[in-house]
PDB file of all heavy atoms in Angstrom:
ATOM      1  N   PHE A   1     -19.382 -56.958 -50.469  1.00  0.00           N
ATOM      2  CA  PHE A   1     -19.797 -55.706 -51.132  1.00  0.00           C
ATOM      3  C   PHE A   1     -21.106 -55.270 -50.479  1.00  0.00           C
ATOM      4  O   PHE A   1     -21.338 -54.101 -50.144  1.00  0.00           O
ATOM      5  CB  PHE A   1     -20.033 -55.922 -52.615  1.00  0.00           C
ATOM      6  CG  PHE A   1     -20.866 -54.789 -53.164  1.00  0.00           C
ATOM      7  CD1 PHE A   1     -20.325 -53.545 -53.400  1.00  0.00           C
ATOM      8  CD2 PHE A   1     -22.272 -55.057 -53.443  1.00  0.00           C
ATOM      9  CE1 PHE A   1     -21.083 -52.514 -53.932  1.00  0.00           C
ATOM     10  CE2 PHE A   1     -23.032 -53.943 -53.927  1.00  0.00           C
ATOM     11  CZ  PHE A   1     -22.416 -52.767 -54.150  1.00  0.00           C
ATOM     12  N   LEU A   2     -22.027 -56.221 -50.319  1.00  0.00           N
ATOM     13  CA  LEU A   2     -23.411 -55.840 -49.739  1.00  0.00           C
ATOM     14  C   LEU A   2     -23.290 -55.295 -48.347  1.00  0.00           C
ATOM     15  O   LEU A   2     -23.941 -54.348 -48.009  1.00  0.00           O
ATOM     16  CB  LEU A   2     -24.332 -57.109 -49.684  1.00  0.00           C
ATOM     17  CG  LEU A   2     -25.740 -56.833 -49.279  1.00  0.00           C
ATOM     18  CD1 LEU A   2     -26.419 -55.727 -50.081  1.00  0.00           C
ATOM     19  CD2 LEU A   2     -26.570 -58.078 -49.240  1.00  0.00           C
ATOM     20  N   ALA A   3     -22.382 -55.984 -47.554  1.00  0.00           N
ATOM     21  CA  ALA A   3     -22.212 -55.399 -46.211  1.00  0.00           C
ATOM     22  C   ALA A   3     -21.693 -54.006 -46.242  1.00  0.00           C
ATOM     23  O   ALA A   3     -22.198 -53.048 -45.400  1.00  0.00           O
ATOM     24  CB  ALA A   3     -21.254 -56.305 -45.396  1.00  0.00           C
ATOM     25  N   GLU A   4     -20.716 -53.654 -47.119  1.00  0.00           N
ATOM     26  CA  GLU A   4     -20.219 -52.310 -47.148  1.00  0.00           C
ATOM     27  C   GLU A   4     -21.310 -51.356 -47.743  1.00  0.00           C
ATOM     28  O   GLU A   4     -21.497 -50.253 -47.096  1.00  0.00           O
ATOM     29  CB  GLU A   4     -19.093 -52.269 -48.205  1.00  0.00           C
ATOM     30  CG  GLU A   4     -18.496 -50.953 -48.469  1.00  0.00           C
ATOM     31  CD  GLU A   4     -17.372 -50.956 -49.617  1.00  0.00           C
ATOM     32  OE1 GLU A   4     -16.743 -52.018 -49.757  1.00  0.00           O
ATOM     33  OE2 GLU A   4     -17.208 -49.859 -50.087  1.00  0.00           O
ATOM     34  N   ALA A   5     -22.078 -51.698 -48.740  1.00  0.00           N
ATOM     35  CA  ALA A   5     -23.110 -50.943 -49.322  1.00  0.00           C
ATOM     36  C   ALA A   5     -24.195 -50.607 -48.211  1.00  0.00           C
ATOM     37  O   ALA A   5     -24.739 -49.515 -48.064  1.00  0.00           O
ATOM     38  CB  ALA A   5     -23.757 -51.499 -50.528  1.00  0.00           C
ATOM     39  N   ALA A   6     -24.570 -51.705 -47.500  1.00  0.00           N
ATOM     40  CA  ALA A   6     -25.644 -51.544 -46.471  1.00  0.00           C
ATOM     41  C   ALA A   6     -25.226 -50.673 -45.351  1.00  0.00           C
ATOM     42  O   ALA A   6     -25.857 -49.868 -44.820  1.00  0.00           O
ATOM     43  CB  ALA A   6     -25.943 -52.990 -45.910  1.00  0.00           C
ATOM     44  N   THR A   7     -23.941 -50.828 -44.942  1.00  0.00           N
ATOM     45  CA  THR A   7     -23.317 -49.950 -43.880  1.00  0.00           C
ATOM     46  C   THR A   7     -23.339 -48.480 -44.343  1.00  0.00           C
ATOM     47  O   THR A   7     -23.746 -47.607 -43.606  1.00  0.00           O
ATOM     48  CB  THR A   7     -21.904 -50.347 -43.458  1.00  0.00           C
ATOM     49  OG1 THR A   7     -21.912 -51.736 -43.016  1.00  0.00           O
ATOM     50  CG2 THR A   7     -21.284 -49.523 -42.462  1.00  0.00           C
ATOM     51  N   ASN A   8     -22.948 -48.232 -45.623  1.00  0.00           N
ATOM     52  CA  ASN A   8     -22.934 -46.838 -46.195  1.00  0.00           C
ATOM     53  C   ASN A   8     -24.311 -46.355 -46.214  1.00  0.00           C
ATOM     54  O   ASN A   8     -24.500 -45.121 -46.198  1.00  0.00           O
ATOM     55  CB  ASN A   8     -22.278 -46.909 -47.542  1.00  0.00           C
ATOM     56  CG  ASN A   8     -20.810 -47.146 -47.507  1.00  0.00           C
ATOM     57  OD1 ASN A   8     -20.184 -47.048 -46.440  1.00  0.00           O
ATOM     58  ND2 ASN A   8     -20.243 -47.508 -48.596  1.00  0.00           N
ATOM     59  N   ALA A   9     -25.374 -47.220 -46.304  1.00  0.00           N
ATOM     60  CA  ALA A   9     -26.750 -46.784 -46.356  1.00  0.00           C
ATOM     61  C   ALA A   9     -27.314 -46.587 -45.093  1.00  0.00           C
ATOM     62  O   ALA A   9     -28.514 -46.209 -44.896  1.00  0.00           O
ATOM     63  CB  ALA A   9     -27.538 -47.788 -47.149  1.00  0.00           C
ATOM     64  N   GLY A  10     -26.591 -46.851 -43.957  1.00  0.00           N
ATOM     65  CA  GLY A  10     -26.962 -46.613 -42.621  1.00  0.00           C
ATOM     66  C   GLY A  10     -27.512 -47.888 -41.857  1.00  0.00           C
ATOM     67  O   GLY A  10     -28.073 -47.683 -40.718  1.00  0.00           O
ATOM     68  N   TYR A  11     -27.288 -49.094 -42.437  1.00  0.00           N
ATOM     69  CA  TYR A  11     -27.754 -50.301 -41.651  1.00  0.00           C
ATOM     70  C   TYR A  11     -26.571 -50.822 -40.961  1.00  0.00           C
ATOM     71  O   TYR A  11     -25.458 -50.871 -41.405  1.00  0.00           O
ATOM     72  CB  TYR A  11     -28.140 -51.373 -42.714  1.00  0.00           C
ATOM     73  CG  TYR A  11     -29.340 -51.019 -43.556  1.00  0.00           C
ATOM     74  CD1 TYR A  11     -29.225 -50.511 -44.889  1.00  0.00           C
ATOM     75  CD2 TYR A  11     -30.644 -51.149 -43.029  1.00  0.00           C
ATOM     76  CE1 TYR A  11     -30.277 -50.186 -45.649  1.00  0.00           C
ATOM     77  CE2 TYR A  11     -31.791 -50.794 -43.856  1.00  0.00           C
ATOM     78  CZ  TYR A  11     -31.558 -50.363 -45.063  1.00  0.00           C
ATOM     79  OH  TYR A  11     -32.644 -50.005 -45.869  1.00  0.00           O
ATOM     80  N   ASP A  12     -26.752 -51.229 -39.714  1.00  0.00           N
ATOM     81  CA  ASP A  12     -25.788 -51.774 -38.814  1.00  0.00           C
ATOM     82  C   ASP A  12     -26.009 -53.263 -39.058  1.00  0.00           C
ATOM     83  O   ASP A  12     -26.785 -53.910 -38.377  1.00  0.00           O
ATOM     84  CB  ASP A  12     -25.869 -51.445 -37.413  1.00  0.00           C
ATOM     85  CG  ASP A  12     -24.735 -52.028 -36.538  1.00  0.00           C
ATOM     86  OD1 ASP A  12     -24.049 -52.913 -37.059  1.00  0.00           O
ATOM     87  OD2 ASP A  12     -24.667 -51.574 -35.379  1.00  0.00           O
ATOM     88  N   VAL A  13     -25.252 -53.947 -39.942  1.00  0.00           N
ATOM     89  CA  VAL A  13     -25.491 -55.271 -40.290  1.00  0.00           C
ATOM     90  C   VAL A  13     -24.669 -56.293 -39.616  1.00  0.00           C
ATOM     91  O   VAL A  13     -24.591 -57.433 -39.961  1.00  0.00           O
ATOM     92  CB  VAL A  13     -25.268 -55.492 -41.880  1.00  0.00           C
ATOM     93  CG1 VAL A  13     -26.302 -54.717 -42.610  1.00  0.00           C
ATOM     94  CG2 VAL A  13     -23.800 -55.114 -42.280  1.00  0.00           C
ATOM     95  N   ARG A  14     -24.012 -55.786 -38.542  1.00  0.00           N
ATOM     96  CA  ARG A  14     -23.355 -56.828 -37.672  1.00  0.00           C
ATOM     97  C   ARG A  14     -24.376 -57.785 -37.080  1.00  0.00           C
ATOM     98  O   ARG A  14     -25.500 -57.318 -36.847  1.00  0.00           O
ATOM     99  CB  ARG A  14     -22.535 -56.129 -36.512  1.00  0.00           C
ATOM    100  CG  ARG A  14     -21.348 -55.283 -37.058  1.00  0.00           C
ATOM    101  CD  ARG A  14     -20.817 -54.418 -35.904  1.00  0.00           C
ATOM    102  NE  ARG A  14     -21.818 -53.471 -35.355  1.00  0.00           N
ATOM    103  CZ  ARG A  14     -21.735 -52.862 -34.249  1.00  0.00           C
ATOM    104  NH1 ARG A  14     -20.617 -52.906 -33.625  1.00  0.00           N
ATOM    105  NH2 ARG A  14     -22.666 -52.069 -33.881  1.00  0.00           N
ATOM    106  N   PRO A  15     -23.994 -59.006 -36.786  1.00  0.00           N
ATOM    107  CA  PRO A  15     -24.949 -59.934 -36.220  1.00  0.00           C
ATOM    108  C   PRO A  15     -25.580 -59.392 -35.012  1.00  0.00           C
ATOM    109  O   PRO A  15     -24.894 -58.763 -34.094  1.00  0.00           O
ATOM    110  CB  PRO A  15     -24.118 -61.190 -35.883  1.00  0.00           C
ATOM    111  CG  PRO A  15     -23.016 -61.159 -37.015  1.00  0.00           C
ATOM    112  CD  PRO A  15     -22.706 -59.616 -37.115  1.00  0.00           C
ATOM    113  N   ARG A  16     -26.883 -59.517 -34.835  1.00  0.00           N
ATOM    114  CA  ARG A  16     -27.805 -59.116 -33.680  1.00  0.00           C
ATOM    115  C   ARG A  16     -27.714 -57.703 -33.451  1.00  0.00           C
ATOM    116  O   ARG A  16     -28.058 -57.227 -32.353  1.00  0.00           O
ATOM    117  CB  ARG A  16     -27.240 -59.878 -32.393  1.00  0.00           C
ATOM    118  CG  ARG A  16     -27.611 -61.394 -32.615  1.00  0.00           C
ATOM    119  CD  ARG A  16     -27.090 -62.207 -31.350  1.00  0.00           C
ATOM    120  NE  ARG A  16     -25.611 -62.431 -31.244  1.00  0.00           N
ATOM    121  CZ  ARG A  16     -24.961 -63.178 -32.088  1.00  0.00           C
ATOM    122  NH1 ARG A  16     -25.532 -63.876 -33.054  1.00  0.00           N
ATOM    123  NH2 ARG A  16     -23.679 -63.267 -31.967  1.00  0.00           N
ATOM    124  N   ALA A  17     -27.365 -56.857 -34.488  1.00  0.00           N
ATOM    125  CA  ALA A  17     -27.350 -55.348 -34.259  1.00  0.00           C
ATOM    126  C   ALA A  17     -28.737 -54.724 -34.756  1.00  0.00           C
ATOM    127  O   ALA A  17     -28.939 -53.530 -34.478  1.00  0.00           O
ATOM    128  CB  ALA A  17     -26.162 -54.697 -34.944  1.00  0.00           C
ATOM    129  N   GLY A  18     -29.551 -55.519 -35.404  1.00  0.00           N
ATOM    130  CA  GLY A  18     -30.798 -55.032 -35.836  1.00  0.00           C
ATOM    131  C   GLY A  18     -30.855 -54.569 -37.307  1.00  0.00           C
ATOM    132  O   GLY A  18     -31.917 -54.462 -37.914  1.00  0.00           O
ATOM    133  N   GLY A  19     -29.688 -54.247 -37.841  1.00  0.00           N
ATOM    134  CA  GLY A  19     -29.695 -53.741 -39.282  1.00  0.00           C
ATOM    135  C   GLY A  19     -30.000 -54.785 -40.312  1.00  0.00           C
ATOM    136  O   GLY A  19     -30.534 -54.487 -41.361  1.00  0.00           O
ATOM    137  N   ARG A  20     -29.683 -55.993 -40.050  1.00  0.00           N
ATOM    138  CA  ARG A  20     -30.063 -57.084 -40.955  1.00  0.00           C
ATOM    139  C   ARG A  20     -31.538 -57.279 -41.107  1.00  0.00           C
ATOM    140  O   ARG A  20     -32.060 -57.314 -42.292  1.00  0.00           O
ATOM    141  CB  ARG A  20     -29.414 -58.342 -40.498  1.00  0.00           C
ATOM    142  CG  ARG A  20     -27.947 -58.417 -40.583  1.00  0.00           C
ATOM    143  CD  ARG A  20     -27.279 -59.692 -40.102  1.00  0.00           C
ATOM    144  NE  ARG A  20     -25.796 -59.598 -40.299  1.00  0.00           N
ATOM    145  CZ  ARG A  20     -25.089 -60.621 -40.658  1.00  0.00           C
ATOM    146  NH1 ARG A  20     -25.611 -61.883 -40.921  1.00  0.00           N
ATOM    147  NH2 ARG A  20     -23.801 -60.481 -40.839  1.00  0.00           N
ATOM    148  N   LYS A  21     -32.194 -57.178 -39.968  1.00  0.00           N
ATOM    149  CA  LYS A  21     -33.682 -57.297 -40.116  1.00  0.00           C
ATOM    150  C   LYS A  21     -34.334 -56.031 -40.785  1.00  0.00           C
ATOM    151  O   LYS A  21     -35.119 -56.138 -41.643  1.00  0.00           O
ATOM    152  CB  LYS A  21     -34.317 -57.374 -38.668  1.00  0.00           C
ATOM    153  CG  LYS A  21     -35.760 -57.534 -38.713  1.00  0.00           C
ATOM    154  CD  LYS A  21     -36.378 -57.702 -37.265  1.00  0.00           C
ATOM    155  CE  LYS A  21     -37.912 -57.809 -37.398  1.00  0.00           C
ATOM    156  NZ  LYS A  21     -38.523 -57.767 -36.099  1.00  0.00           N
ATOM    157  N   GLN A  22     -33.689 -54.882 -40.586  1.00  0.00           N
ATOM    158  CA  GLN A  22     -34.190 -53.673 -41.272  1.00  0.00           C
ATOM    159  C   GLN A  22     -33.940 -53.759 -42.694  1.00  0.00           C
ATOM    160  O   GLN A  22     -34.819 -53.365 -43.491  1.00  0.00           O
ATOM    161  CB  GLN A  22     -33.524 -52.428 -40.606  1.00  0.00           C
ATOM    162  CG  GLN A  22     -33.933 -52.122 -39.272  1.00  0.00           C
ATOM    163  CD  GLN A  22     -32.944 -51.049 -38.588  1.00  0.00           C
ATOM    164  OE1 GLN A  22     -31.874 -50.867 -39.040  1.00  0.00           O
ATOM    165  NE2 GLN A  22     -33.458 -50.417 -37.495  1.00  0.00           N
ATOM    166  N   LEU A  23     -32.705 -54.243 -43.042  1.00  0.00           N
ATOM    167  CA  LEU A  23     -32.393 -54.419 -44.528  1.00  0.00           C
ATOM    168  C   LEU A  23     -33.403 -55.366 -45.172  1.00  0.00           C
ATOM    169  O   LEU A  23     -33.813 -55.171 -46.246  1.00  0.00           O
ATOM    170  CB  LEU A  23     -31.004 -54.812 -44.683  1.00  0.00           C
ATOM    171  CG  LEU A  23     -30.515 -55.048 -46.076  1.00  0.00           C
ATOM    172  CD1 LEU A  23     -30.603 -53.832 -46.956  1.00  0.00           C
ATOM    173  CD2 LEU A  23     -28.991 -55.530 -46.080  1.00  0.00           C
ATOM    174  N   ALA A  24     -33.657 -56.478 -44.468  1.00  0.00           N
ATOM    175  CA  ALA A  24     -34.523 -57.478 -44.994  1.00  0.00           C
ATOM    176  C   ALA A  24     -35.980 -56.892 -45.280  1.00  0.00           C
ATOM    177  O   ALA A  24     -36.465 -57.158 -46.303  1.00  0.00           O
ATOM    178  CB  ALA A  24     -34.629 -58.644 -44.047  1.00  0.00           C
ATOM    179  N   GLU A  25     -36.383 -56.081 -44.330  1.00  0.00           N
ATOM    180  CA  GLU A  25     -37.753 -55.507 -44.472  1.00  0.00           C
ATOM    181  C   GLU A  25     -37.744 -54.551 -45.627  1.00  0.00           C
ATOM    182  O   GLU A  25     -38.663 -54.515 -46.477  1.00  0.00           O
ATOM    183  CB  GLU A  25     -38.190 -54.839 -43.186  1.00  0.00           C
ATOM    184  CG  GLU A  25     -38.489 -55.868 -42.105  1.00  0.00           C
ATOM    185  CD  GLU A  25     -38.717 -55.227 -40.736  1.00  0.00           C
ATOM    186  OE1 GLU A  25     -38.534 -53.990 -40.579  1.00  0.00           O
ATOM    187  OE2 GLU A  25     -39.018 -55.986 -39.776  1.00  0.00           O
ATOM    188  N   ALA A  26     -36.703 -53.711 -45.686  1.00  0.00           N
ATOM    189  CA  ALA A  26     -36.575 -52.643 -46.737  1.00  0.00           C
ATOM    190  C   ALA A  26     -36.500 -53.343 -48.156  1.00  0.00           C
ATOM    191  O   ALA A  26     -37.054 -52.853 -49.156  1.00  0.00           O
ATOM    192  CB  ALA A  26     -35.388 -51.801 -46.548  1.00  0.00           C
TER     193      ALA A  26
END
């Protein structure tokens, strides 16, 4: 669910894509 919600919010949460770090900071 979180991966889907994060992707819908504009985060690229695939490993090493940078979105995980951005989500963590946000």
